[in-house]
Amino acid sequence: MTGGRQRKVPKKITPGYLEKAALFYLERYSSSAGNLRRVLNRKIGNSIREHGAPTKEEAAGWVAELIAKLQRSKLLDDKAYAESKVRRLYAEGKALGRIRQTLAVKGVGKEDVAAALERLEAESDVPVSDLPAAAAFARKRKLGPYRSDPQERRDMRQKDLGALARRGFSQAIAMKILSADSVAALEEMIHDAD
């Protein structure tokens, strides 16, 4: 005995098992239909490798039926998922392009993402753009004008620029954030953008 963990044998897939697995997943995580399909297909693949049956086509039919059932019962709603995720990611200071990319990876359609961004714009008192999101990120990470020591601010300028770039913000947006003389000047710049 090697003392390592033994490999967990996947359960044999049935429509009932898939439904229980989907509901258990949705109890713990918010999800789009595309993401849930990916999760269930991974379980199906593991089961087929271990047990052989059912066929991928048969299991894909079960998944399609299950997802349609969950959408009818509103347990799975891509539009609501997109709105929630857009609001949270924007508040965290993610660039709009990065938000679109994140939701695309989760299987959310472009129409739902566009509608979620429009709703965010309608609910916001400032224009929804990368500038306020970059400012939120800078505030959270204490970059640029949020650094209290002017010498540290000069010394860390390149590092701050890199942090904003890695977060998905353009160089122009990053330079606006880092060149603001103070937090008040940055907030004024954001409000003047509308």
C-alpha atoms as a PDB file:
ATOM      1  CA  MET A   1       0.000   0.000   0.000  1.00  0.00           C
ATOM      2  CA  THR A   2       1.463   3.357  -1.039  1.00  0.00           C
ATOM      3  CA  GLY A   3      -0.460   5.477   1.478  1.00  0.00           C
ATOM      4  CA  GLY A   4      -1.921   7.738  -1.238  1.00  0.00           C
ATOM      5  CA  ARG A   5      -5.558   8.392  -1.857  1.00  0.00           C
ATOM      6  CA  GLN A   6      -7.390   5.790  -3.820  1.00  0.00           C
ATOM      7  CA  ARG A   7      -8.998   6.878  -7.054  1.00  0.00           C
ATOM      8  CA  LYS A   8     -12.688   7.581  -6.664  1.00  0.00           C
ATOM      9  CA  VAL A   9     -14.701   5.397  -9.025  1.00  0.00           C
ATOM     10  CA  PRO A  10     -17.294   7.509 -10.880  1.00  0.00           C
ATOM     11  CA  LYS A  11     -20.928   6.505 -10.521  1.00  0.00           C
ATOM     12  CA  LYS A  12     -22.818   5.037 -13.430  1.00  0.00           C
ATOM     13  CA  ILE A  13     -24.777   7.781 -15.144  1.00  0.00           C
ATOM     14  CA  THR A  14     -28.583   7.681 -15.217  1.00  0.00           C
ATOM     15  CA  PRO A  15     -31.055  10.499 -15.839  1.00  0.00           C
ATOM     16  CA  GLY A  16     -31.886  10.516 -12.114  1.00  0.00           C
ATOM     17  CA  TYR A  17     -28.241  10.707 -11.110  1.00  0.00           C
ATOM     18  CA  LEU A  18     -27.642  13.592 -13.536  1.00  0.00           C
ATOM     19  CA  GLU A  19     -30.589  15.517 -12.090  1.00  0.00           C
ATOM     20  CA  LYS A  20     -29.364  15.019  -8.522  1.00  0.00           C
ATOM     21  CA  ALA A  21     -25.841  16.054  -9.531  1.00  0.00           C
ATOM     22  CA  ALA A  22     -27.156  19.170 -11.307  1.00  0.00           C
ATOM     23  CA  LEU A  23     -29.308  20.213  -8.352  1.00  0.00           C
ATOM     24  CA  PHE A  24     -26.442  19.629  -5.936  1.00  0.00           C
ATOM     25  CA  TYR A  25     -24.168  21.764  -8.124  1.00  0.00           C
ATOM     26  CA  LEU A  26     -26.760  24.546  -8.407  1.00  0.00           C
ATOM     27  CA  GLU A  27     -27.231  24.566  -4.617  1.00  0.00           C
ATOM     28  CA  ARG A  28     -23.558  25.428  -4.244  1.00  0.00           C
ATOM     29  CA  TYR A  29     -22.822  27.523  -7.327  1.00  0.00           C
ATOM     30  CA  SER A  30     -24.556  29.974  -9.580  1.00  0.00           C
ATOM     31  CA  SER A  31     -24.242  28.707 -13.137  1.00  0.00           C
ATOM     32  CA  SER A  32     -25.116  29.294 -16.744  1.00  0.00           C
ATOM     33  CA  ALA A  33     -26.662  26.566 -18.876  1.00  0.00           C
ATOM     34  CA  GLY A  34     -23.419  26.192 -20.838  1.00  0.00           C
ATOM     35  CA  ASN A  35     -21.333  25.817 -17.699  1.00  0.00           C
ATOM     36  CA  LEU A  36     -23.724  23.255 -16.166  1.00  0.00           C
ATOM     37  CA  ARG A  37     -23.678  21.319 -19.459  1.00  0.00           C
ATOM     38  CA  ARG A  38     -19.855  21.258 -19.279  1.00  0.00           C
ATOM     39  CA  VAL A  39     -19.931  20.021 -15.651  1.00  0.00           C
ATOM     40  CA  LEU A  40     -22.423  17.265 -16.451  1.00  0.00           C
ATOM     41  CA  ASN A  41     -20.565  16.233 -19.621  1.00  0.00           C
ATOM     42  CA  ARG A  42     -17.400  15.806 -17.560  1.00  0.00           C
ATOM     43  CA  LYS A  43     -19.290  13.430 -15.234  1.00  0.00           C
ATOM     44  CA  ILE A  44     -20.664  11.584 -18.253  1.00  0.00           C
ATOM     45  CA  GLY A  45     -17.207  11.224 -19.781  1.00  0.00           C
ATOM     46  CA  ASN A  46     -15.780   9.831 -16.536  1.00  0.00           C
ATOM     47  CA  SER A  47     -18.682   7.390 -16.206  1.00  0.00           C
ATOM     48  CA  ILE A  48     -18.423   6.179 -19.795  1.00  0.00           C
ATOM     49  CA  ARG A  49     -14.682   5.575 -19.404  1.00  0.00           C
ATOM     50  CA  GLU A  50     -15.349   3.521 -16.271  1.00  0.00           C
ATOM     51  CA  HIS A  51     -18.610   1.726 -17.084  1.00  0.00           C
ATOM     52  CA  GLY A  52     -18.986   1.948 -20.857  1.00  0.00           C
ATOM     53  CA  ALA A  53     -22.717   2.621 -21.075  1.00  0.00           C
ATOM     54  CA  PRO A  54     -24.668   4.818 -21.854  1.00  0.00           C
ATOM     55  CA  THR A  55     -23.586   6.183 -25.212  1.00  0.00           C
ATOM     56  CA  LYS A  56     -22.479   9.815 -25.402  1.00  0.00           C
ATOM     57  CA  GLU A  57     -25.452  10.592 -27.658  1.00  0.00           C
ATOM     58  CA  GLU A  58     -27.938   9.095 -25.215  1.00  0.00           C
ATOM     59  CA  ALA A  59     -26.392  10.953 -22.268  1.00  0.00           C
ATOM     60  CA  ALA A  60     -26.295  14.203 -24.270  1.00  0.00           C
ATOM     61  CA  GLY A  61     -30.057  13.838 -24.780  1.00  0.00           C
ATOM     62  CA  TRP A  62     -30.544  13.428 -21.034  1.00  0.00           C
ATOM     63  CA  VAL A  63     -28.486  16.566 -20.390  1.00  0.00           C
ATOM     64  CA  ALA A  64     -30.442  18.590 -22.959  1.00  0.00           C
ATOM     65  CA  GLU A  65     -33.762  17.510 -21.398  1.00  0.00           C
ATOM     66  CA  LEU A  66     -32.515  18.252 -17.894  1.00  0.00           C
ATOM     67  CA  ILE A  67     -31.226  21.706 -18.804  1.00  0.00           C
ATOM     68  CA  ALA A  68     -34.523  22.552 -20.524  1.00  0.00           C
ATOM     69  CA  LYS A  69     -36.411  21.393 -17.404  1.00  0.00           C
ATOM     70  CA  LEU A  70     -34.175  23.496 -15.117  1.00  0.00           C
ATOM     71  CA  GLN A  71     -34.645  26.536 -17.366  1.00  0.00           C
ATOM     72  CA  ARG A  72     -38.440  26.117 -17.372  1.00  0.00           C
ATOM     73  CA  SER A  73     -38.428  25.976 -13.571  1.00  0.00           C
ATOM     74  CA  LYS A  74     -36.105  29.046 -13.463  1.00  0.00           C
ATOM     75  CA  LEU A  75     -33.444  27.148 -11.501  1.00  0.00           C
ATOM     76  CA  LEU A  76     -31.167  27.900 -14.438  1.00  0.00           C
ATOM     77  CA  ASP A  77     -31.416  31.399 -15.936  1.00  0.00           C
ATOM     78  CA  ASP A  78     -28.559  32.697 -18.107  1.00  0.00           C
ATOM     79  CA  LYS A  79     -29.910  36.253 -18.124  1.00  0.00           C
ATOM     80  CA  ALA A  80     -30.072  36.473 -14.311  1.00  0.00           C
ATOM     81  CA  TYR A  81     -26.690  34.743 -14.042  1.00  0.00           C
ATOM     82  CA  ALA A  82     -25.141  37.251 -16.472  1.00  0.00           C
ATOM     83  CA  GLU A  83     -26.603  40.246 -14.599  1.00  0.00           C
ATOM     84  CA  SER A  84     -25.334  38.993 -11.256  1.00  0.00           C
ATOM     85  CA  LYS A  85     -21.890  38.113 -12.574  1.00  0.00           C
ATOM     86  CA  VAL A  86     -21.495  41.400 -14.499  1.00  0.00           C
ATOM     87  CA  ARG A  87     -22.448  43.427 -11.417  1.00  0.00           C
ATOM     88  CA  ARG A  88     -19.997  41.535  -9.193  1.00  0.00           C
ATOM     89  CA  LEU A  89     -17.072  41.514 -11.636  1.00  0.00           C
ATOM     90  CA  TYR A  90     -17.492  45.217 -12.440  1.00  0.00           C
ATOM     91  CA  ALA A  91     -17.597  46.094  -8.737  1.00  0.00           C
ATOM     92  CA  GLU A  92     -14.402  44.068  -8.273  1.00  0.00           C
ATOM     93  CA  GLY A  93     -12.715  46.277 -10.862  1.00  0.00           C
ATOM     94  CA  LYS A  94     -12.590  43.997 -13.904  1.00  0.00           C
ATOM     95  CA  ALA A  95     -12.236  45.507 -17.364  1.00  0.00           C
ATOM     96  CA  LEU A  96     -15.324  45.236 -19.578  1.00  0.00           C
ATOM     97  CA  GLY A  97     -13.451  43.080 -22.089  1.00  0.00           C
ATOM     98  CA  ARG A  98     -12.367  40.739 -19.306  1.00  0.00           C
ATOM     99  CA  ILE A  99     -15.976  40.546 -18.049  1.00  0.00           C
ATOM    100  CA  ARG A 100     -17.186  39.580 -21.530  1.00  0.00           C
ATOM    101  CA  GLN A 101     -14.413  36.991 -21.790  1.00  0.00           C
ATOM    102  CA  THR A 102     -15.177  35.492 -18.362  1.00  0.00           C
ATOM    103  CA  LEU A 103     -18.862  35.106 -19.191  1.00  0.00           C
ATOM    104  CA  ALA A 104     -18.108  33.645 -22.624  1.00  0.00           C
ATOM    105  CA  VAL A 105     -15.973  30.978 -20.958  1.00  0.00           C
ATOM    106  CA  LYS A 106     -18.925  30.210 -18.659  1.00  0.00           C
ATOM    107  CA  GLY A 107     -21.117  29.658 -21.712  1.00  0.00           C
ATOM    108  CA  VAL A 108     -23.201  32.840 -21.539  1.00  0.00           C
ATOM    109  CA  GLY A 109     -24.360  34.158 -24.910  1.00  0.00           C
ATOM    110  CA  LYS A 110     -23.314  37.581 -26.223  1.00  0.00           C
ATOM    111  CA  GLU A 111     -26.922  38.813 -26.121  1.00  0.00           C
ATOM    112  CA  ASP A 112     -27.263  38.027 -22.406  1.00  0.00           C
ATOM    113  CA  VAL A 113     -23.922  39.701 -21.655  1.00  0.00           C
ATOM    114  CA  ALA A 114     -24.894  42.806 -23.654  1.00  0.00           C
ATOM    115  CA  ALA A 115     -28.262  42.985 -21.864  1.00  0.00           C
ATOM    116  CA  ALA A 116     -26.546  42.638 -18.477  1.00  0.00           C
ATOM    117  CA  LEU A 117     -24.104  45.445 -19.304  1.00  0.00           C
ATOM    118  CA  GLU A 118     -27.002  47.642 -20.477  1.00  0.00           C
ATOM    119  CA  ARG A 119     -28.833  46.998 -17.204  1.00  0.00           C
ATOM    120  CA  LEU A 120     -25.689  47.849 -15.224  1.00  0.00           C
ATOM    121  CA  GLU A 121     -25.413  51.089 -17.216  1.00  0.00           C
ATOM    122  CA  ALA A 122     -29.055  51.941 -16.458  1.00  0.00           C
ATOM    123  CA  GLU A 123     -28.564  51.324 -12.725  1.00  0.00           C
ATOM    124  CA  SER A 124     -25.257  53.209 -12.456  1.00  0.00           C
ATOM    125  CA  ASP A 125     -24.872  56.899 -11.642  1.00  0.00           C
ATOM    126  CA  VAL A 126     -21.685  57.081 -13.746  1.00  0.00           C
ATOM    127  CA  PRO A 127     -21.112  55.694 -17.259  1.00  0.00           C
ATOM    128  CA  VAL A 128     -20.163  52.030 -17.281  1.00  0.00           C
ATOM    129  CA  SER A 129     -16.672  52.000 -18.720  1.00  0.00           C
ATOM    130  CA  ASP A 130     -13.230  50.762 -17.880  1.00  0.00           C
ATOM    131  CA  LEU A 131     -12.312  53.979 -16.037  1.00  0.00           C
ATOM    132  CA  PRO A 132     -14.582  53.460 -12.985  1.00  0.00           C
ATOM    133  CA  ALA A 133     -13.737  49.757 -12.932  1.00  0.00           C
ATOM    134  CA  ALA A 134     -10.006  50.541 -13.020  1.00  0.00           C
ATOM    135  CA  ALA A 135     -10.491  53.089 -10.220  1.00  0.00           C
ATOM    136  CA  ALA A 136     -12.285  50.452  -8.126  1.00  0.00           C
ATOM    137  CA  PHE A 137      -9.405  48.037  -8.704  1.00  0.00           C
ATOM    138  CA  ALA A 138      -6.835  50.743  -7.859  1.00  0.00           C
ATOM    139  CA  ARG A 139      -8.716  51.568  -4.647  1.00  0.00           C
ATOM    140  CA  LYS A 140      -8.876  47.919  -3.640  1.00  0.00           C
ATOM    141  CA  ARG A 141      -5.172  47.332  -4.318  1.00  0.00           C
ATOM    142  CA  LYS A 142      -4.066  50.822  -3.158  1.00  0.00           C
ATOM    143  CA  LEU A 143      -2.485  51.742  -6.503  1.00  0.00           C
ATOM    144  CA  GLY A 144      -1.604  55.185  -7.853  1.00  0.00           C
ATOM    145  CA  PRO A 145      -3.478  57.983  -6.057  1.00  0.00           C
ATOM    146  CA  TYR A 146      -4.528  55.544  -3.330  1.00  0.00           C
ATOM    147  CA  ARG A 147      -0.923  55.263  -2.137  1.00  0.00           C
ATOM    148  CA  SER A 148      -0.340  57.694   0.729  1.00  0.00           C
ATOM    149  CA  ASP A 149       3.423  58.211   0.263  1.00  0.00           C
ATOM    150  CA  PRO A 150       4.319  60.257  -2.882  1.00  0.00           C
ATOM    151  CA  GLN A 151       7.787  58.665  -3.094  1.00  0.00           C
ATOM    152  CA  GLU A 152       6.327  55.165  -2.922  1.00  0.00           C
ATOM    153  CA  ARG A 153       3.824  56.187  -5.596  1.00  0.00           C
ATOM    154  CA  ARG A 154       6.658  57.219  -7.963  1.00  0.00           C
ATOM    155  CA  ASP A 155       8.719  54.127  -7.150  1.00  0.00           C
ATOM    156  CA  MET A 156       5.773  51.762  -7.717  1.00  0.00           C
ATOM    157  CA  ARG A 157       4.421  53.380 -10.905  1.00  0.00           C
ATOM    158  CA  GLN A 158       5.657  50.635 -13.268  1.00  0.00           C
ATOM    159  CA  LYS A 159       4.445  47.895 -10.940  1.00  0.00           C
ATOM    160  CA  ASP A 160       1.034  49.586 -10.651  1.00  0.00           C
ATOM    161  CA  LEU A 161       0.888  49.928 -14.447  1.00  0.00           C
ATOM    162  CA  GLY A 162       1.582  46.201 -14.769  1.00  0.00           C
ATOM    163  CA  ALA A 163      -1.112  45.316 -12.233  1.00  0.00           C
ATOM    164  CA  LEU A 164      -3.701  47.329 -14.152  1.00  0.00           C
ATOM    165  CA  ALA A 165      -2.587  45.806 -17.460  1.00  0.00           C
ATOM    166  CA  ARG A 166      -2.837  42.257 -16.087  1.00  0.00           C
ATOM    167  CA  ARG A 167      -6.362  43.064 -14.946  1.00  0.00           C
ATOM    168  CA  GLY A 168      -7.241  43.808 -18.572  1.00  0.00           C
ATOM    169  CA  PHE A 169      -7.142  47.610 -18.664  1.00  0.00           C
ATOM    170  CA  SER A 170      -5.638  49.479 -21.604  1.00  0.00           C
ATOM    171  CA  GLN A 171      -2.493  51.537 -21.183  1.00  0.00           C
ATOM    172  CA  ALA A 172      -4.519  54.732 -21.712  1.00  0.00           C
ATOM    173  CA  ILE A 173      -6.901  53.863 -18.845  1.00  0.00           C
ATOM    174  CA  ALA A 174      -4.028  52.788 -16.589  1.00  0.00           C
ATOM    175  CA  MET A 175      -2.175  56.048 -17.275  1.00  0.00           C
ATOM    176  CA  LYS A 176      -5.298  58.084 -16.434  1.00  0.00           C
ATOM    177  CA  ILE A 177      -5.578  56.298 -13.103  1.00  0.00           C
ATOM    178  CA  LEU A 178      -1.904  56.604 -12.233  1.00  0.00           C
ATOM    179  CA  SER A 179      -1.578  60.225 -13.345  1.00  0.00           C
ATOM    180  CA  ALA A 180      -4.451  61.467 -11.162  1.00  0.00           C
ATOM    181  CA  ASP A 181      -2.993  63.821  -8.555  1.00  0.00           C
ATOM    182  CA  SER A 182      -5.327  62.648  -5.813  1.00  0.00           C
ATOM    183  CA  VAL A 183      -8.283  60.418  -5.089  1.00  0.00           C
ATOM    184  CA  ALA A 184     -10.566  63.457  -5.361  1.00  0.00           C
ATOM    185  CA  ALA A 185      -9.120  64.319  -8.783  1.00  0.00           C
ATOM    186  CA  LEU A 186      -9.660  60.736  -9.935  1.00  0.00           C
ATOM    187  CA  GLU A 187     -13.272  60.729  -8.736  1.00  0.00           C
ATOM    188  CA  GLU A 188     -13.865  64.056 -10.486  1.00  0.00           C
ATOM    189  CA  MET A 189     -12.373  62.609 -13.686  1.00  0.00           C
ATOM    190  CA  ILE A 190     -14.776  59.661 -13.470  1.00  0.00           C
ATOM    191  CA  HIS A 191     -17.830  61.890 -12.934  1.00  0.00           C
ATOM    192  CA  ASP A 192     -16.759  64.251 -15.722  1.00  0.00           C
ATOM    193  CA  ALA A 193     -16.575  61.309 -18.137  1.00  0.00           C
ATOM    194  CA  ASP A 194     -20.373  61.242 -18.436  1.00  0.00           C
END
